[in-house]
Amino acid sequence: MSNVTLAEFRAWARLDVAVSDGVAQAAIDAAEESINDHLGRQVELAGDSATERTFVPDGDSPVLRIHDCTEITLVEDNGVTVPSDAWQAEPVNGIDSTGQEVPYSQIRLLAGSWTALYNNQATVTITARWGWASLPSRYKQAVMIAAADLLQQADVRNGVIGYAGDYAVRVKSNPAVTQLLRKLRRAESWGVGR
């Protein structure tokens, strides 16, 4: 399910009826997928109930990168429950360095390190409400801009949108989208379950 509704996008982009719902929805979906790939995270609203996911710890580090979540209810390391006073979810209080509310994206053991097995087994299981408490408005705006740009690509051939004299005018990445997403991007991305 999309984070941006078809009605929101149609109103924002002032789409005429010539663009079908299917084509507009495909542009929204593709924009969201592309943006999530760029960010190295899945931006979605948290569900109502907690579910468990497993992760592979990185060597002897006390820090474990996890998927975005709003609430952690249980942490297990190699099948053993880790008491809630032995770890801390970060960023602390779900607030980043600029004071913005963000989901937790890592968990830190306050003493020792996670159990890392030689064959990179997933040894840490976390039960949490995965996702964001609310979607950042800059994310939704970036999705709508990118989706509108994708709809305009129907008129683009080989990256050329037109000609000025003897020169081709080429498509460039949208700087507004890049700026809107700058603070939401993870330093690195990893595969699902890692």
C-alpha atoms as a PDB file:
ATOM      1  CA  MET A   1       0.000   0.000   0.000  1.00  0.00           C
ATOM      2  CA  SER A   2       1.272   3.441  -0.919  1.00  0.00           C
ATOM      3  CA  ASN A   3       2.104   6.143   1.594  1.00  0.00           C
ATOM      4  CA  VAL A   4       0.673   8.735  -0.807  1.00  0.00           C
ATOM      5  CA  THR A   5      -2.923   8.172  -1.841  1.00  0.00           C
ATOM      6  CA  LEU A   6      -4.088   8.505  -5.403  1.00  0.00           C
ATOM      7  CA  ALA A   7      -6.465  11.314  -4.350  1.00  0.00           C
ATOM      8  CA  GLU A   8      -3.631  13.244  -2.633  1.00  0.00           C
ATOM      9  CA  PHE A   9      -1.425  12.890  -5.686  1.00  0.00           C
ATOM     10  CA  ARG A  10      -4.147  13.844  -8.178  1.00  0.00           C
ATOM     11  CA  ALA A  11      -4.975  16.984  -6.187  1.00  0.00           C
ATOM     12  CA  TRP A  12      -1.313  17.933  -5.722  1.00  0.00           C
ATOM     13  CA  ALA A  13      -0.279  17.305  -9.342  1.00  0.00           C
ATOM     14  CA  ARG A  14      -3.541  18.708 -10.745  1.00  0.00           C
ATOM     15  CA  LEU A  15      -3.805  15.675 -13.006  1.00  0.00           C
ATOM     16  CA  ASP A  16      -6.433  15.762 -15.695  1.00  0.00           C
ATOM     17  CA  VAL A  17      -8.707  12.820 -16.368  1.00  0.00           C
ATOM     18  CA  ALA A  18      -6.550  11.779 -19.344  1.00  0.00           C
ATOM     19  CA  VAL A  19      -4.116  10.146 -16.892  1.00  0.00           C
ATOM     20  CA  SER A  20      -5.746   6.912 -15.714  1.00  0.00           C
ATOM     21  CA  ASP A  21      -5.778   5.882 -12.068  1.00  0.00           C
ATOM     22  CA  GLY A  22      -3.639   2.842 -12.944  1.00  0.00           C
ATOM     23  CA  VAL A  23      -0.918   4.932 -14.600  1.00  0.00           C
ATOM     24  CA  ALA A  24      -0.905   7.496 -11.774  1.00  0.00           C
ATOM     25  CA  GLN A  25      -0.771   4.740  -9.114  1.00  0.00           C
ATOM     26  CA  ALA A  26       2.098   3.018 -10.938  1.00  0.00           C
ATOM     27  CA  ALA A  27       4.044   6.302 -10.898  1.00  0.00           C
ATOM     28  CA  ILE A  28       3.413   6.714  -7.145  1.00  0.00           C
ATOM     29  CA  ASP A  29       4.502   3.128  -6.435  1.00  0.00           C
ATOM     30  CA  ALA A  30       7.647   3.435  -8.567  1.00  0.00           C
ATOM     31  CA  ALA A  31       8.561   6.769  -6.955  1.00  0.00           C
ATOM     32  CA  GLU A  32       8.177   5.312  -3.447  1.00  0.00           C
ATOM     33  CA  GLU A  33      10.251   2.230  -4.303  1.00  0.00           C
ATOM     34  CA  SER A  34      12.988   4.347  -5.866  1.00  0.00           C
ATOM     35  CA  ILE A  35      13.072   6.758  -2.930  1.00  0.00           C
ATOM     36  CA  ASN A  36      13.192   3.916  -0.387  1.00  0.00           C
ATOM     37  CA  ASP A  37      16.122   2.388  -2.327  1.00  0.00           C
ATOM     38  CA  HIS A  38      17.871   5.757  -2.317  1.00  0.00           C
ATOM     39  CA  LEU A  39      17.276   6.219   1.415  1.00  0.00           C
ATOM     40  CA  GLY A  40      18.395   2.701   2.340  1.00  0.00           C
ATOM     41  CA  ARG A  41      15.290   2.282   4.491  1.00  0.00           C
ATOM     42  CA  GLN A  42      11.638   1.360   4.131  1.00  0.00           C
ATOM     43  CA  VAL A  43       9.486   4.372   4.950  1.00  0.00           C
ATOM     44  CA  GLU A  44       6.099   3.133   6.126  1.00  0.00           C
ATOM     45  CA  LEU A  45       3.702   3.682   8.991  1.00  0.00           C
ATOM     46  CA  ALA A  46       4.100   1.370  11.985  1.00  0.00           C
ATOM     47  CA  GLY A  47       1.487  -1.316  12.430  1.00  0.00           C
ATOM     48  CA  ASP A  48      -0.777  -1.663  15.451  1.00  0.00           C
ATOM     49  CA  SER A  49       0.935  -4.770  16.814  1.00  0.00           C
ATOM     50  CA  ALA A  50       4.517  -5.823  17.441  1.00  0.00           C
ATOM     51  CA  THR A  51       6.116  -8.575  15.371  1.00  0.00           C
ATOM     52  CA  GLU A  52       9.527 -10.186  15.578  1.00  0.00           C
ATOM     53  CA  ARG A  53      12.421  -9.902  13.140  1.00  0.00           C
ATOM     54  CA  THR A  54      15.898 -11.374  13.307  1.00  0.00           C
ATOM     55  CA  PHE A  55      19.186  -9.627  12.636  1.00  0.00           C
ATOM     56  CA  VAL A  56      22.832 -10.517  12.070  1.00  0.00           C
ATOM     57  CA  PRO A  57      25.175  -8.698  14.479  1.00  0.00           C
ATOM     58  CA  ASP A  58      28.328  -7.102  13.111  1.00  0.00           C
ATOM     59  CA  GLY A  59      31.362  -8.679  14.772  1.00  0.00           C
ATOM     60  CA  ASP A  60      32.086  -7.599  18.333  1.00  0.00           C
ATOM     61  CA  SER A  61      30.117  -4.363  18.196  1.00  0.00           C
ATOM     62  CA  PRO A  62      27.645  -3.456  20.949  1.00  0.00           C
ATOM     63  CA  VAL A  63      25.586  -1.576  18.318  1.00  0.00           C
ATOM     64  CA  LEU A  64      23.115  -3.410  16.080  1.00  0.00           C
ATOM     65  CA  ARG A  65      21.504  -1.642  13.128  1.00  0.00           C
ATOM     66  CA  ILE A  66      17.812  -2.549  12.861  1.00  0.00           C
ATOM     67  CA  HIS A  67      14.861  -1.648  10.669  1.00  0.00           C
ATOM     68  CA  ASP A  68      12.987   1.504  11.624  1.00  0.00           C
ATOM     69  CA  CYS A  69      10.597   0.987  14.547  1.00  0.00           C
ATOM     70  CA  THR A  70       8.594   3.016  17.043  1.00  0.00           C
ATOM     71  CA  GLU A  71       8.509   0.663  20.028  1.00  0.00           C
ATOM     72  CA  ILE A  72      10.658  -2.313  21.061  1.00  0.00           C
ATOM     73  CA  THR A  73       8.970  -4.817  23.374  1.00  0.00           C
ATOM     74  CA  LEU A  74      11.444  -7.721  23.483  1.00  0.00           C
ATOM     75  CA  VAL A  75      15.114  -8.304  22.658  1.00  0.00           C
ATOM     76  CA  GLU A  76      16.678 -11.758  22.501  1.00  0.00           C
ATOM     77  CA  ASP A  77      20.349 -12.522  21.878  1.00  0.00           C
ATOM     78  CA  ASN A  78      20.984 -16.088  20.706  1.00  0.00           C
ATOM     79  CA  GLY A  79      17.709 -17.246  22.290  1.00  0.00           C
ATOM     80  CA  VAL A  80      18.246 -15.498  25.652  1.00  0.00           C
ATOM     81  CA  THR A  81      16.032 -12.556  26.643  1.00  0.00           C
ATOM     82  CA  VAL A  82      18.058  -9.389  27.181  1.00  0.00           C
ATOM     83  CA  PRO A  83      16.662  -7.363  30.120  1.00  0.00           C
ATOM     84  CA  SER A  84      15.309  -3.962  29.114  1.00  0.00           C
ATOM     85  CA  ASP A  85      17.835  -2.190  31.333  1.00  0.00           C
ATOM     86  CA  ALA A  86      20.737  -3.865  29.487  1.00  0.00           C
ATOM     87  CA  TRP A  87      20.106  -2.179  26.112  1.00  0.00           C
ATOM     88  CA  GLN A  88      19.077   1.190  24.736  1.00  0.00           C
ATOM     89  CA  ALA A  89      17.173   2.029  21.564  1.00  0.00           C
ATOM     90  CA  GLU A  90      18.720   4.802  19.473  1.00  0.00           C
ATOM     91  CA  PRO A  91      18.448   7.575  18.678  1.00  0.00           C
ATOM     92  CA  VAL A  92      17.662   8.108  22.347  1.00  0.00           C
ATOM     93  CA  ASN A  93      14.036   9.175  22.905  1.00  0.00           C
ATOM     94  CA  GLY A  94      13.407   8.813  19.158  1.00  0.00           C
ATOM     95  CA  ILE A  95      14.801  12.304  18.556  1.00  0.00           C
ATOM     96  CA  ASP A  96      17.641  13.033  16.129  1.00  0.00           C
ATOM     97  CA  SER A  97      20.380  15.634  16.608  1.00  0.00           C
ATOM     98  CA  THR A  98      18.201  18.387  15.112  1.00  0.00           C
ATOM     99  CA  GLY A  99      15.253  17.684  17.422  1.00  0.00           C
ATOM    100  CA  GLN A 100      13.171  15.876  14.786  1.00  0.00           C
ATOM    101  CA  GLU A 101      11.108  12.856  15.860  1.00  0.00           C
ATOM    102  CA  VAL A 102      12.449   9.772  14.062  1.00  0.00           C
ATOM    103  CA  PRO A 103      12.076   6.014  14.488  1.00  0.00           C
ATOM    104  CA  TYR A 104      14.619   3.912  16.346  1.00  0.00           C
ATOM    105  CA  SER A 105      17.190   2.550  13.885  1.00  0.00           C
ATOM    106  CA  GLN A 106      19.681   0.804  16.150  1.00  0.00           C
ATOM    107  CA  ILE A 107      19.960  -0.877  19.507  1.00  0.00           C
ATOM    108  CA  ARG A 108      22.989  -0.711  21.806  1.00  0.00           C
ATOM    109  CA  LEU A 109      24.007  -3.227  24.450  1.00  0.00           C
ATOM    110  CA  LEU A 110      25.144  -1.277  27.482  1.00  0.00           C
ATOM    111  CA  ALA A 111      27.726  -3.927  28.393  1.00  0.00           C
ATOM    112  CA  GLY A 112      29.406  -6.486  26.148  1.00  0.00           C
ATOM    113  CA  SER A 113      28.524  -7.218  22.537  1.00  0.00           C
ATOM    114  CA  TRP A 114      25.928  -9.197  20.605  1.00  0.00           C
ATOM    115  CA  THR A 115      26.504 -12.906  19.945  1.00  0.00           C
ATOM    116  CA  ALA A 116      28.110 -13.065  16.517  1.00  0.00           C
ATOM    117  CA  LEU A 117      28.556 -16.581  15.133  1.00  0.00           C
ATOM    118  CA  TYR A 118      31.246 -17.465  12.619  1.00  0.00           C
ATOM    119  CA  ASN A 119      28.786 -18.190   9.806  1.00  0.00           C
ATOM    120  CA  ASN A 120      26.851 -14.911  10.023  1.00  0.00           C
ATOM    121  CA  GLN A 121      23.738 -16.419  11.527  1.00  0.00           C
ATOM    122  CA  ALA A 122      20.917 -14.149  12.582  1.00  0.00           C
ATOM    123  CA  THR A 123      21.255 -14.402  16.369  1.00  0.00           C
ATOM    124  CA  VAL A 124      19.359 -11.320  17.581  1.00  0.00           C
ATOM    125  CA  THR A 125      15.572 -11.354  17.561  1.00  0.00           C
ATOM    126  CA  ILE A 126      13.692  -8.129  18.199  1.00  0.00           C
ATOM    127  CA  THR A 127       9.959  -7.783  18.716  1.00  0.00           C
ATOM    128  CA  ALA A 128       8.812  -4.285  17.793  1.00  0.00           C
ATOM    129  CA  ARG A 129       6.266  -2.126  16.034  1.00  0.00           C
ATOM    130  CA  TRP A 130       8.138  -1.699  12.749  1.00  0.00           C
ATOM    131  CA  GLY A 131       7.846   1.549  10.825  1.00  0.00           C
ATOM    132  CA  TRP A 132       7.370   5.245  11.574  1.00  0.00           C
ATOM    133  CA  ALA A 133       4.909   6.863  13.996  1.00  0.00           C
ATOM    134  CA  SER A 134       4.092   9.411  11.278  1.00  0.00           C
ATOM    135  CA  LEU A 135       5.451  10.009   7.816  1.00  0.00           C
ATOM    136  CA  PRO A 136       7.706  13.028   7.339  1.00  0.00           C
ATOM    137  CA  SER A 137       5.977  15.619   5.166  1.00  0.00           C
ATOM    138  CA  ARG A 138       9.198  16.044   3.173  1.00  0.00           C
ATOM    139  CA  TYR A 139       9.052  12.345   2.257  1.00  0.00           C
ATOM    140  CA  LYS A 140       5.491  12.645   0.939  1.00  0.00           C
ATOM    141  CA  GLN A 141       6.377  15.792  -1.022  1.00  0.00           C
ATOM    142  CA  ALA A 142       9.407  14.054  -2.560  1.00  0.00           C
ATOM    143  CA  VAL A 143       7.234  11.094  -3.594  1.00  0.00           C
ATOM    144  CA  MET A 144       4.723  13.390  -5.299  1.00  0.00           C
ATOM    145  CA  ILE A 145       7.436  15.349  -7.129  1.00  0.00           C
ATOM    146  CA  ALA A 146       9.162  12.140  -8.259  1.00  0.00           C
ATOM    147  CA  ALA A 147       5.858  10.562  -9.341  1.00  0.00           C
ATOM    148  CA  ALA A 148       4.974  13.671 -11.374  1.00  0.00           C
ATOM    149  CA  ASP A 149       8.443  13.560 -12.960  1.00  0.00           C
ATOM    150  CA  LEU A 150       7.891   9.891 -13.856  1.00  0.00           C
ATOM    151  CA  LEU A 151       4.582  10.700 -15.545  1.00  0.00           C
ATOM    152  CA  GLN A 152       6.374  13.293 -17.671  1.00  0.00           C
ATOM    153  CA  GLN A 153       8.902  10.663 -18.793  1.00  0.00           C
ATOM    154  CA  ALA A 154       6.377   9.370 -21.339  1.00  0.00           C
ATOM    155  CA  ASP A 155       7.517  12.281 -23.543  1.00  0.00           C
ATOM    156  CA  VAL A 156      11.245  11.619 -23.011  1.00  0.00           C
ATOM    157  CA  ARG A 157      13.314   9.498 -25.395  1.00  0.00           C
ATOM    158  CA  ASN A 158      16.879   8.476 -24.516  1.00  0.00           C
ATOM    159  CA  GLY A 159      17.046  11.164 -21.827  1.00  0.00           C
ATOM    160  CA  VAL A 160      16.293  13.967 -24.318  1.00  0.00           C
ATOM    161  CA  ILE A 161      13.304  16.181 -23.565  1.00  0.00           C
ATOM    162  CA  GLY A 162      13.753  18.534 -26.495  1.00  0.00           C
ATOM    163  CA  TYR A 163      16.172  20.488 -28.638  1.00  0.00           C
ATOM    164  CA  ALA A 164      17.475  24.036 -28.464  1.00  0.00           C
ATOM    165  CA  GLY A 165      19.021  24.858 -31.800  1.00  0.00           C
ATOM    166  CA  ASP A 166      21.559  22.128 -32.526  1.00  0.00           C
ATOM    167  CA  TYR A 167      21.743  20.929 -28.905  1.00  0.00           C
ATOM    168  CA  ALA A 168      19.691  18.313 -27.045  1.00  0.00           C
ATOM    169  CA  VAL A 169      18.151  19.285 -23.722  1.00  0.00           C
ATOM    170  CA  ARG A 170      18.575  16.343 -21.338  1.00  0.00           C
ATOM    171  CA  VAL A 171      16.753  15.251 -18.200  1.00  0.00           C
ATOM    172  CA  LYS A 172      18.559  15.865 -14.908  1.00  0.00           C
ATOM    173  CA  SER A 173      17.790  14.567 -11.437  1.00  0.00           C
ATOM    174  CA  ASN A 174      15.374  16.741  -9.532  1.00  0.00           C
ATOM    175  CA  PRO A 175      17.293  18.792  -6.926  1.00  0.00           C
ATOM    176  CA  ALA A 176      14.102  19.416  -4.916  1.00  0.00           C
ATOM    177  CA  VAL A 177      13.660  15.680  -4.340  1.00  0.00           C
ATOM    178  CA  THR A 178      17.325  15.290  -3.368  1.00  0.00           C
ATOM    179  CA  GLN A 179      17.115  18.163  -0.880  1.00  0.00           C
ATOM    180  CA  LEU A 180      13.863  16.934   0.671  1.00  0.00           C
ATOM    181  CA  LEU A 181      15.361  13.488   1.293  1.00  0.00           C
ATOM    182  CA  ARG A 182      18.836  14.543   2.421  1.00  0.00           C
ATOM    183  CA  LYS A 183      18.263  14.121   6.172  1.00  0.00           C
ATOM    184  CA  LEU A 184      16.225  10.914   5.845  1.00  0.00           C
ATOM    185  CA  ARG A 185      18.977   8.901   4.178  1.00  0.00           C
ATOM    186  CA  ARG A 186      20.784   6.223   6.168  1.00  0.00           C
ATOM    187  CA  ALA A 187      24.572   6.280   6.174  1.00  0.00           C
ATOM    188  CA  GLU A 188      24.512   2.784   4.676  1.00  0.00           C
ATOM    189  CA  SER A 189      21.905   0.331   3.549  1.00  0.00           C
ATOM    190  CA  TRP A 190      21.644  -3.385   4.103  1.00  0.00           C
ATOM    191  CA  GLY A 191      19.445  -6.275   3.014  1.00  0.00           C
ATOM    192  CA  VAL A 192      16.181  -7.296   4.632  1.00  0.00           C
ATOM    193  CA  GLY A 193      16.713  -9.235   7.843  1.00  0.00           C
ATOM    194  CA  ARG A 194      20.170  -7.751   8.373  1.00  0.00           C
END
